[in-house]
Amino acid sequence: MAAGAAPVDDTDRAIVAALRADGRMSVRALAEQVHISRANAYARLERLQRDGVITGFTVRVDPVRLGLMTSAYVSVSIEQGSWREVLAVLEQLPGVEKVALVGAEFDMLVEVRAHDNHELRDVVLEQIQAVPGVRATRTWLVFDEWST
């Protein structure tokens, strides 16, 4: 939480949960759902954005309907101290959805989506493995997935 930011309470958490379920919800509907006035909902929403609790609004898509028929998690082992540089390159690669710095036998976990296995192979073997600082990768193909 930023310095001077108000603590997050149960009502704030209810607002965030409602918006995570439906980011296009009107403030009126939001207020009704969390049982507060519209003025209070506006004020809390503005504060949650100002304090960096809510960092933006986005669209969730079905990757298969978008044509991204295959996905994988790729563990990446890197040279010591190179995570910032490796992250900067990985963030720019097409197909890279998420990058997490982890404490495990590897250093990063990367979620990759591609149109087919050939494109996935190219992303992993030709692009990720070519990043300066990457020592090794290991790929886990995703058969199916569910969002919560």
C-alpha atoms as a PDB file:
ATOM      1  CA  MET A   1       0.000   0.000   0.000  1.00  0.00           C
ATOM      2  CA  ALA A   2       1.298   3.457  -0.863  1.00  0.00           C
ATOM      3  CA  ALA A   3       2.299   5.856   1.893  1.00  0.00           C
ATOM      4  CA  GLY A   4      -0.786   7.693   3.116  1.00  0.00           C
ATOM      5  CA  ALA A   5      -3.127   5.167   1.489  1.00  0.00           C
ATOM      6  CA  ALA A   6      -6.210   4.155   3.430  1.00  0.00           C
ATOM      7  CA  PRO A   7      -6.363   0.531   4.581  1.00  0.00           C
ATOM      8  CA  VAL A   8      -8.506  -1.806   2.489  1.00  0.00           C
ATOM      9  CA  ASP A   9     -11.634  -2.969   4.323  1.00  0.00           C
ATOM     10  CA  ASP A  10     -14.313  -5.606   3.643  1.00  0.00           C
ATOM     11  CA  THR A  11     -16.367  -3.198   1.520  1.00  0.00           C
ATOM     12  CA  ASP A  12     -13.318  -2.393  -0.628  1.00  0.00           C
ATOM     13  CA  ARG A  13     -12.672  -6.126  -1.066  1.00  0.00           C
ATOM     14  CA  ALA A  14     -16.338  -6.617  -2.070  1.00  0.00           C
ATOM     15  CA  ILE A  15     -15.987  -3.835  -4.659  1.00  0.00           C
ATOM     16  CA  VAL A  16     -12.850  -5.422  -6.095  1.00  0.00           C
ATOM     17  CA  ALA A  17     -14.488  -8.873  -6.196  1.00  0.00           C
ATOM     18  CA  ALA A  18     -17.558  -7.489  -7.977  1.00  0.00           C
ATOM     19  CA  LEU A  19     -15.424  -5.677 -10.554  1.00  0.00           C
ATOM     20  CA  ARG A  20     -13.245  -8.741 -11.113  1.00  0.00           C
ATOM     21  CA  ALA A  21     -16.421 -10.655 -11.955  1.00  0.00           C
ATOM     22  CA  ASP A  22     -17.748  -7.870 -14.206  1.00  0.00           C
ATOM     23  CA  GLY A  23     -15.410  -4.985 -14.987  1.00  0.00           C
ATOM     24  CA  ARG A  24     -18.114  -3.278 -17.058  1.00  0.00           C
ATOM     25  CA  MET A  25     -20.524  -3.049 -14.124  1.00  0.00           C
ATOM     26  CA  SER A  26     -22.008   0.413 -13.661  1.00  0.00           C
ATOM     27  CA  VAL A  27     -21.302   2.256 -10.428  1.00  0.00           C
ATOM     28  CA  ARG A  28     -25.020   2.113  -9.683  1.00  0.00           C
ATOM     29  CA  ALA A  29     -25.057  -1.692  -9.998  1.00  0.00           C
ATOM     30  CA  LEU A  30     -21.821  -1.905  -8.012  1.00  0.00           C
ATOM     31  CA  ALA A  31     -23.311   0.175  -5.193  1.00  0.00           C
ATOM     32  CA  GLU A  32     -26.408  -2.011  -5.114  1.00  0.00           C
ATOM     33  CA  GLN A  33     -24.385  -5.214  -5.081  1.00  0.00           C
ATOM     34  CA  VAL A  34     -22.153  -4.170  -2.174  1.00  0.00           C
ATOM     35  CA  HIS A  35     -24.967  -2.349  -0.339  1.00  0.00           C
ATOM     36  CA  ILE A  36     -23.543   1.166  -0.275  1.00  0.00           C
ATOM     37  CA  SER A  37     -24.671   4.480  -1.738  1.00  0.00           C
ATOM     38  CA  ARG A  38     -23.613   5.495  -5.253  1.00  0.00           C
ATOM     39  CA  ALA A  39     -21.672   8.445  -3.818  1.00  0.00           C
ATOM     40  CA  ASN A  40     -19.793   6.094  -1.492  1.00  0.00           C
ATOM     41  CA  ALA A  41     -19.148   3.678  -4.391  1.00  0.00           C
ATOM     42  CA  TYR A  42     -17.751   6.516  -6.551  1.00  0.00           C
ATOM     43  CA  ALA A  43     -15.537   7.741  -3.708  1.00  0.00           C
ATOM     44  CA  ARG A  44     -14.235   4.281  -2.861  1.00  0.00           C
ATOM     45  CA  LEU A  45     -13.627   3.407  -6.518  1.00  0.00           C
ATOM     46  CA  GLU A  46     -11.687   6.643  -7.013  1.00  0.00           C
ATOM     47  CA  ARG A  47      -9.621   5.979  -3.859  1.00  0.00           C
ATOM     48  CA  LEU A  48      -8.898   2.362  -4.833  1.00  0.00           C
ATOM     49  CA  GLN A  49      -7.607   3.593  -8.198  1.00  0.00           C
ATOM     50  CA  ARG A  50      -5.632   6.491  -6.710  1.00  0.00           C
ATOM     51  CA  ASP A  51      -4.021   4.193  -4.106  1.00  0.00           C
ATOM     52  CA  GLY A  52      -3.051   1.663  -6.765  1.00  0.00           C
ATOM     53  CA  VAL A  53      -5.277  -1.147  -5.484  1.00  0.00           C
ATOM     54  CA  ILE A  54      -7.138  -1.117  -8.802  1.00  0.00           C
ATOM     55  CA  THR A  55      -4.515  -0.655 -11.493  1.00  0.00           C
ATOM     56  CA  GLY A  56      -6.745  -0.821 -14.550  1.00  0.00           C
ATOM     57  CA  PHE A  57      -9.616  -2.492 -16.308  1.00  0.00           C
ATOM     58  CA  THR A  58      -9.171  -5.193 -18.909  1.00  0.00           C
ATOM     59  CA  VAL A  59     -10.950  -7.672 -21.115  1.00  0.00           C
ATOM     60  CA  ARG A  60     -10.769 -11.430 -20.615  1.00  0.00           C
ATOM     61  CA  VAL A  61     -10.808 -13.429 -23.819  1.00  0.00           C
ATOM     62  CA  ASP A  62     -11.159 -17.077 -24.731  1.00  0.00           C
ATOM     63  CA  PRO A  63      -7.734 -17.824 -26.232  1.00  0.00           C
ATOM     64  CA  VAL A  64      -9.064 -20.711 -28.335  1.00  0.00           C
ATOM     65  CA  ARG A  65     -11.743 -18.522 -29.935  1.00  0.00           C
ATOM     66  CA  LEU A  66      -8.972 -16.005 -30.595  1.00  0.00           C
ATOM     67  CA  GLY A  67      -7.083 -18.710 -32.489  1.00  0.00           C
ATOM     68  CA  LEU A  68      -4.480 -19.465 -29.816  1.00  0.00           C
ATOM     69  CA  MET A  69      -4.971 -23.216 -29.808  1.00  0.00           C
ATOM     70  CA  THR A  70      -1.997 -24.264 -27.691  1.00  0.00           C
ATOM     71  CA  SER A  71      -0.323 -23.050 -24.538  1.00  0.00           C
ATOM     72  CA  ALA A  72       2.484 -24.023 -22.227  1.00  0.00           C
ATOM     73  CA  TYR A  73       4.246 -23.069 -19.046  1.00  0.00           C
ATOM     74  CA  VAL A  74       7.966 -22.643 -19.565  1.00  0.00           C
ATOM     75  CA  SER A  75      10.384 -22.665 -16.661  1.00  0.00           C
ATOM     76  CA  VAL A  76      13.433 -20.519 -17.332  1.00  0.00           C
ATOM     77  CA  SER A  77      16.778 -20.757 -15.553  1.00  0.00           C
ATOM     78  CA  ILE A  78      18.859 -17.609 -15.889  1.00  0.00           C
ATOM     79  CA  GLU A  79      22.338 -16.363 -15.124  1.00  0.00           C
ATOM     80  CA  GLN A  80      22.637 -14.850 -11.679  1.00  0.00           C
ATOM     81  CA  GLY A  81      21.682 -11.179 -11.571  1.00  0.00           C
ATOM     82  CA  SER A  82      20.241 -11.063 -15.088  1.00  0.00           C
ATOM     83  CA  TRP A  83      16.511 -11.196 -14.242  1.00  0.00           C
ATOM     84  CA  ARG A  84      15.759  -7.566 -15.099  1.00  0.00           C
ATOM     85  CA  GLU A  85      17.317  -7.812 -18.550  1.00  0.00           C
ATOM     86  CA  VAL A  86      15.713 -11.206 -19.260  1.00  0.00           C
ATOM     87  CA  LEU A  87      12.313  -9.932 -18.089  1.00  0.00           C
ATOM     88  CA  ALA A  88      12.570  -6.868 -20.348  1.00  0.00           C
ATOM     89  CA  VAL A  89      13.064  -9.109 -23.395  1.00  0.00           C
ATOM     90  CA  LEU A  90      10.475 -11.747 -22.420  1.00  0.00           C
ATOM     91  CA  GLU A  91       7.782  -9.079 -21.966  1.00  0.00           C
ATOM     92  CA  GLN A  92       8.230  -8.097 -25.628  1.00  0.00           C
ATOM     93  CA  LEU A  93       8.025 -11.579 -27.151  1.00  0.00           C
ATOM     94  CA  PRO A  94       4.822 -12.416 -29.033  1.00  0.00           C
ATOM     95  CA  GLY A  95       2.847 -15.119 -27.258  1.00  0.00           C
ATOM     96  CA  VAL A  96       4.263 -14.443 -23.801  1.00  0.00           C
ATOM     97  CA  GLU A  97       1.216 -13.857 -21.584  1.00  0.00           C
ATOM     98  CA  LYS A  98       2.740 -13.781 -18.090  1.00  0.00           C
ATOM     99  CA  VAL A  99       6.149 -13.892 -16.475  1.00  0.00           C
ATOM    100  CA  ALA A 100       6.659 -14.700 -12.796  1.00  0.00           C
ATOM    101  CA  LEU A 101       9.914 -14.522 -10.871  1.00  0.00           C
ATOM    102  CA  VAL A 102       9.839 -17.559  -8.570  1.00  0.00           C
ATOM    103  CA  GLY A 103      11.832 -19.162  -5.799  1.00  0.00           C
ATOM    104  CA  ALA A 104      12.320 -22.695  -7.114  1.00  0.00           C
ATOM    105  CA  GLU A 105      14.886 -24.838  -8.899  1.00  0.00           C
ATOM    106  CA  PHE A 106      14.359 -22.447 -11.814  1.00  0.00           C
ATOM    107  CA  ASP A 107      14.069 -18.658 -11.776  1.00  0.00           C
ATOM    108  CA  MET A 108      11.095 -17.674 -13.934  1.00  0.00           C
ATOM    109  CA  LEU A 109       7.814 -19.245 -14.985  1.00  0.00           C
ATOM    110  CA  VAL A 110       6.483 -18.022 -18.326  1.00  0.00           C
ATOM    111  CA  GLU A 111       3.001 -18.611 -19.740  1.00  0.00           C
ATOM    112  CA  VAL A 112       3.076 -18.826 -23.538  1.00  0.00           C
ATOM    113  CA  ARG A 113       0.132 -19.019 -25.974  1.00  0.00           C
ATOM    114  CA  ALA A 114       0.460 -19.816 -29.664  1.00  0.00           C
ATOM    115  CA  HIS A 115      -1.632 -20.688 -32.705  1.00  0.00           C
ATOM    116  CA  ASP A 116      -0.180 -24.200 -32.911  1.00  0.00           C
ATOM    117  CA  ASN A 117       2.655 -26.382 -31.612  1.00  0.00           C
ATOM    118  CA  HIS A 118       5.025 -25.238 -34.374  1.00  0.00           C
ATOM    119  CA  GLU A 119       4.624 -21.614 -33.321  1.00  0.00           C
ATOM    120  CA  LEU A 120       4.998 -22.634 -29.665  1.00  0.00           C
ATOM    121  CA  ARG A 121       8.210 -24.485 -30.532  1.00  0.00           C
ATOM    122  CA  ASP A 122       9.576 -21.384 -32.261  1.00  0.00           C
ATOM    123  CA  VAL A 123       8.754 -19.138 -29.319  1.00  0.00           C
ATOM    124  CA  VAL A 124      10.470 -21.465 -26.843  1.00  0.00           C
ATOM    125  CA  LEU A 125      13.397 -22.845 -28.829  1.00  0.00           C
ATOM    126  CA  GLU A 126      14.225 -19.893 -31.063  1.00  0.00           C
ATOM    127  CA  GLN A 127      13.143 -16.854 -29.062  1.00  0.00           C
ATOM    128  CA  ILE A 128      13.161 -17.578 -25.308  1.00  0.00           C
ATOM    129  CA  GLN A 129      16.305 -19.724 -25.437  1.00  0.00           C
ATOM    130  CA  ALA A 130      18.061 -17.019 -27.484  1.00  0.00           C
ATOM    131  CA  VAL A 131      17.547 -14.335 -24.817  1.00  0.00           C
ATOM    132  CA  PRO A 132      20.910 -13.277 -23.348  1.00  0.00           C
ATOM    133  CA  GLY A 133      21.071 -14.541 -19.767  1.00  0.00           C
ATOM    134  CA  VAL A 134      18.815 -17.575 -20.301  1.00  0.00           C
ATOM    135  CA  ARG A 135      20.664 -20.769 -19.369  1.00  0.00           C
ATOM    136  CA  ALA A 136      17.929 -23.404 -19.760  1.00  0.00           C
ATOM    137  CA  THR A 137      14.206 -23.900 -20.281  1.00  0.00           C
ATOM    138  CA  ARG A 138      11.724 -26.670 -19.593  1.00  0.00           C
ATOM    139  CA  THR A 139       8.272 -26.739 -21.179  1.00  0.00           C
ATOM    140  CA  TRP A 140       4.982 -28.117 -19.862  1.00  0.00           C
ATOM    141  CA  LEU A 141       2.255 -28.339 -22.498  1.00  0.00           C
ATOM    142  CA  VAL A 142      -1.217 -27.380 -21.216  1.00  0.00           C
ATOM    143  CA  PHE A 143      -3.947 -29.863 -22.208  1.00  0.00           C
ATOM    144  CA  ASP A 144      -6.857 -27.873 -20.742  1.00  0.00           C
ATOM    145  CA  GLU A 145      -7.397 -25.041 -18.270  1.00  0.00           C
ATOM    146  CA  TRP A 146     -10.075 -23.360 -16.180  1.00  0.00           C
ATOM    147  CA  SER A 147     -10.323 -19.850 -14.766  1.00  0.00           C
ATOM    148  CA  THR A 148     -11.618 -19.137 -11.300  1.00  0.00           C
END
